[in-house]
């Protein structure tokens, strides 16, 4: 969006959050000390976990401060502190010729 020349704006009265990182998503969906689970996932004895499974069951057991995302053809597992640096993964995939996973 930032580089698009064809953008319209509409004035509205609602809260907005820039979800530009996984931590941004965490904040936007209300994650504090609890887990943020979307889809077919179970977190047992786990804290501050963001889990987005694809179609498979995802089980997180005894972990904390993780982001786990399954897109069906790739899985991202990252410590939440690394969320702002996830762009490094994108650059590495491009460097290795693995753009299909982006």
C-alpha atoms as a PDB file:
ATOM      1  CA  UNK A   1       0.000   0.000   0.000  1.00  0.00           C
ATOM      2  CA  UNK A   2       2.743   2.448   0.895  1.00  0.00           C
ATOM      3  CA  UNK A   3       4.106   2.507  -2.659  1.00  0.00           C
ATOM      4  CA  UNK A   4       0.764   2.435  -4.496  1.00  0.00           C
ATOM      5  CA  UNK A   5      -0.297   5.496  -6.490  1.00  0.00           C
ATOM      6  CA  UNK A   6      -3.954   4.395  -6.683  1.00  0.00           C
ATOM      7  CA  UNK A   7      -5.172   4.594  -3.089  1.00  0.00           C
ATOM      8  CA  UNK A   8      -8.280   6.231  -1.679  1.00  0.00           C
ATOM      9  CA  UNK A   9      -8.855   7.152   1.941  1.00  0.00           C
ATOM     10  CA  UNK A  10     -12.101   7.197   3.880  1.00  0.00           C
ATOM     11  CA  UNK A  11     -12.595   8.965   7.190  1.00  0.00           C
ATOM     12  CA  UNK A  12     -13.949   6.573   9.809  1.00  0.00           C
ATOM     13  CA  UNK A  13     -14.289   6.304  13.565  1.00  0.00           C
ATOM     14  CA  UNK A  14     -12.885   2.967  14.568  1.00  0.00           C
ATOM     15  CA  UNK A  15      -9.678   1.739  16.106  1.00  0.00           C
ATOM     16  CA  UNK A  16      -6.881   0.800  13.752  1.00  0.00           C
ATOM     17  CA  UNK A  17      -3.629  -1.059  14.249  1.00  0.00           C
ATOM     18  CA  UNK A  18      -0.702  -1.329  11.844  1.00  0.00           C
ATOM     19  CA  UNK A  19      -0.249  -5.074  11.616  1.00  0.00           C
ATOM     20  CA  UNK A  20       3.187  -4.951  10.043  1.00  0.00           C
ATOM     21  CA  UNK A  21       4.718  -7.770  12.058  1.00  0.00           C
ATOM     22  CA  UNK A  22       3.690 -10.879  13.936  1.00  0.00           C
ATOM     23  CA  UNK A  23       3.967  -8.910  17.172  1.00  0.00           C
ATOM     24  CA  UNK A  24       1.663  -6.326  15.591  1.00  0.00           C
ATOM     25  CA  UNK A  25      -0.855  -9.080  14.905  1.00  0.00           C
ATOM     26  CA  UNK A  26      -0.460 -10.246  18.510  1.00  0.00           C
ATOM     27  CA  UNK A  27      -1.317  -6.744  19.725  1.00  0.00           C
ATOM     28  CA  UNK A  28      -4.192  -6.337  17.263  1.00  0.00           C
ATOM     29  CA  UNK A  29      -5.985  -9.496  18.388  1.00  0.00           C
ATOM     30  CA  UNK A  30      -5.544  -8.711  22.062  1.00  0.00           C
ATOM     31  CA  UNK A  31      -2.682 -10.963  23.052  1.00  0.00           C
ATOM     32  CA  UNK A  32      -1.230 -10.048  26.425  1.00  0.00           C
ATOM     33  CA  UNK A  33      -0.095 -12.933  28.599  1.00  0.00           C
ATOM     34  CA  UNK A  34      -2.439 -15.460  27.030  1.00  0.00           C
ATOM     35  CA  UNK A  35      -1.937 -17.456  23.874  1.00  0.00           C
ATOM     36  CA  UNK A  36      -3.286 -16.298  20.521  1.00  0.00           C
ATOM     37  CA  UNK A  37      -4.552 -19.389  18.732  1.00  0.00           C
ATOM     38  CA  UNK A  38      -6.295 -19.347  15.363  1.00  0.00           C
ATOM     39  CA  UNK A  39      -7.408 -22.558  13.720  1.00  0.00           C
ATOM     40  CA  UNK A  40      -6.799 -26.158  14.667  1.00  0.00           C
ATOM     41  CA  UNK A  41      -4.211 -25.726  17.433  1.00  0.00           C
ATOM     42  CA  UNK A  42      -3.813 -26.746  21.046  1.00  0.00           C
ATOM     43  CA  UNK A  43      -1.403 -25.097  23.482  1.00  0.00           C
ATOM     44  CA  UNK A  44      -0.694 -27.087  26.650  1.00  0.00           C
ATOM     45  CA  UNK A  45       1.450 -25.643  29.419  1.00  0.00           C
ATOM     46  CA  UNK A  46       2.478 -22.929  26.947  1.00  0.00           C
ATOM     47  CA  UNK A  47       2.591 -19.155  27.423  1.00  0.00           C
ATOM     48  CA  UNK A  48       2.530 -16.156  25.091  1.00  0.00           C
ATOM     49  CA  UNK A  49       2.322 -18.288  21.942  1.00  0.00           C
ATOM     50  CA  UNK A  50       0.909 -17.116  18.611  1.00  0.00           C
ATOM     51  CA  UNK A  51      -0.222 -20.145  16.595  1.00  0.00           C
ATOM     52  CA  UNK A  52      -1.641 -20.132  13.052  1.00  0.00           C
ATOM     53  CA  UNK A  53      -1.955 -23.668  11.686  1.00  0.00           C
ATOM     54  CA  UNK A  54      -3.026 -24.435   8.139  1.00  0.00           C
ATOM     55  CA  UNK A  55      -5.161 -27.583   7.933  1.00  0.00           C
ATOM     56  CA  UNK A  56      -3.094 -29.864  10.133  1.00  0.00           C
ATOM     57  CA  UNK A  57      -3.469 -30.047  13.891  1.00  0.00           C
ATOM     58  CA  UNK A  58      -0.770 -28.008  15.646  1.00  0.00           C
ATOM     59  CA  UNK A  59       0.110 -28.922  19.229  1.00  0.00           C
ATOM     60  CA  UNK A  60       2.366 -26.663  21.283  1.00  0.00           C
ATOM     61  CA  UNK A  61       3.498 -28.268  24.510  1.00  0.00           C
ATOM     62  CA  UNK A  62       5.584 -26.594  27.207  1.00  0.00           C
ATOM     63  CA  UNK A  63       6.787 -23.664  25.105  1.00  0.00           C
ATOM     64  CA  UNK A  64       6.700 -19.908  25.556  1.00  0.00           C
ATOM     65  CA  UNK A  65       7.149 -16.728  23.555  1.00  0.00           C
ATOM     66  CA  UNK A  66       6.895 -18.430  20.158  1.00  0.00           C
ATOM     67  CA  UNK A  67       5.300 -17.594  16.831  1.00  0.00           C
ATOM     68  CA  UNK A  68       4.359 -20.743  14.904  1.00  0.00           C
ATOM     69  CA  UNK A  69       2.769 -20.374  11.468  1.00  0.00           C
ATOM     70  CA  UNK A  70       1.968 -23.247   9.110  1.00  0.00           C
ATOM     71  CA  UNK A  71       1.075 -22.194   5.563  1.00  0.00           C
ATOM     72  CA  UNK A  72       0.668 -25.699   4.173  1.00  0.00           C
ATOM     73  CA  UNK A  73       3.967 -25.687   2.288  1.00  0.00           C
ATOM     74  CA  UNK A  74       6.195 -24.049   4.905  1.00  0.00           C
ATOM     75  CA  UNK A  75       6.361 -23.666   8.668  1.00  0.00           C
ATOM     76  CA  UNK A  76       7.749 -20.632  10.467  1.00  0.00           C
ATOM     77  CA  UNK A  77       8.841 -21.067  14.076  1.00  0.00           C
ATOM     78  CA  UNK A  78      10.303 -17.964  15.679  1.00  0.00           C
ATOM     79  CA  UNK A  79      10.885 -16.531  19.098  1.00  0.00           C
ATOM     80  CA  UNK A  80       8.552 -13.567  19.583  1.00  0.00           C
ATOM     81  CA  UNK A  81      11.531 -11.270  20.218  1.00  0.00           C
ATOM     82  CA  UNK A  82      12.667 -11.971  16.640  1.00  0.00           C
ATOM     83  CA  UNK A  83       9.350 -10.866  15.119  1.00  0.00           C
ATOM     84  CA  UNK A  84      10.614  -7.439  13.985  1.00  0.00           C
ATOM     85  CA  UNK A  85      13.453  -9.152  12.109  1.00  0.00           C
ATOM     86  CA  UNK A  86      11.358 -11.695  10.208  1.00  0.00           C
ATOM     87  CA  UNK A  87      12.219  -9.788   7.009  1.00  0.00           C
ATOM     88  CA  UNK A  88      15.593 -11.510   7.220  1.00  0.00           C
ATOM     89  CA  UNK A  89      13.782 -14.777   6.470  1.00  0.00           C
ATOM     90  CA  UNK A  90      12.250 -13.246   3.346  1.00  0.00           C
ATOM     91  CA  UNK A  91      15.659 -12.074   2.143  1.00  0.00           C
ATOM     92  CA  UNK A  92      17.217 -15.479   2.803  1.00  0.00           C
ATOM     93  CA  UNK A  93      14.448 -17.285   0.888  1.00  0.00           C
ATOM     94  CA  UNK A  94      14.979 -14.916  -2.039  1.00  0.00           C
ATOM     95  CA  UNK A  95      18.749 -15.414  -1.880  1.00  0.00           C
ATOM     96  CA  UNK A  96      18.255 -19.190  -2.027  1.00  0.00           C
ATOM     97  CA  UNK A  97      15.813 -18.979  -4.922  1.00  0.00           C
ATOM     98  CA  UNK A  98      12.882 -20.083  -2.780  1.00  0.00           C
ATOM     99  CA  UNK A  99      10.468 -17.253  -3.570  1.00  0.00           C
ATOM    100  CA  UNK A 100       7.619 -19.759  -3.974  1.00  0.00           C
ATOM    101  CA  UNK A 101       7.441 -19.939  -0.163  1.00  0.00           C
ATOM    102  CA  UNK A 102       6.819 -16.237   0.253  1.00  0.00           C
END
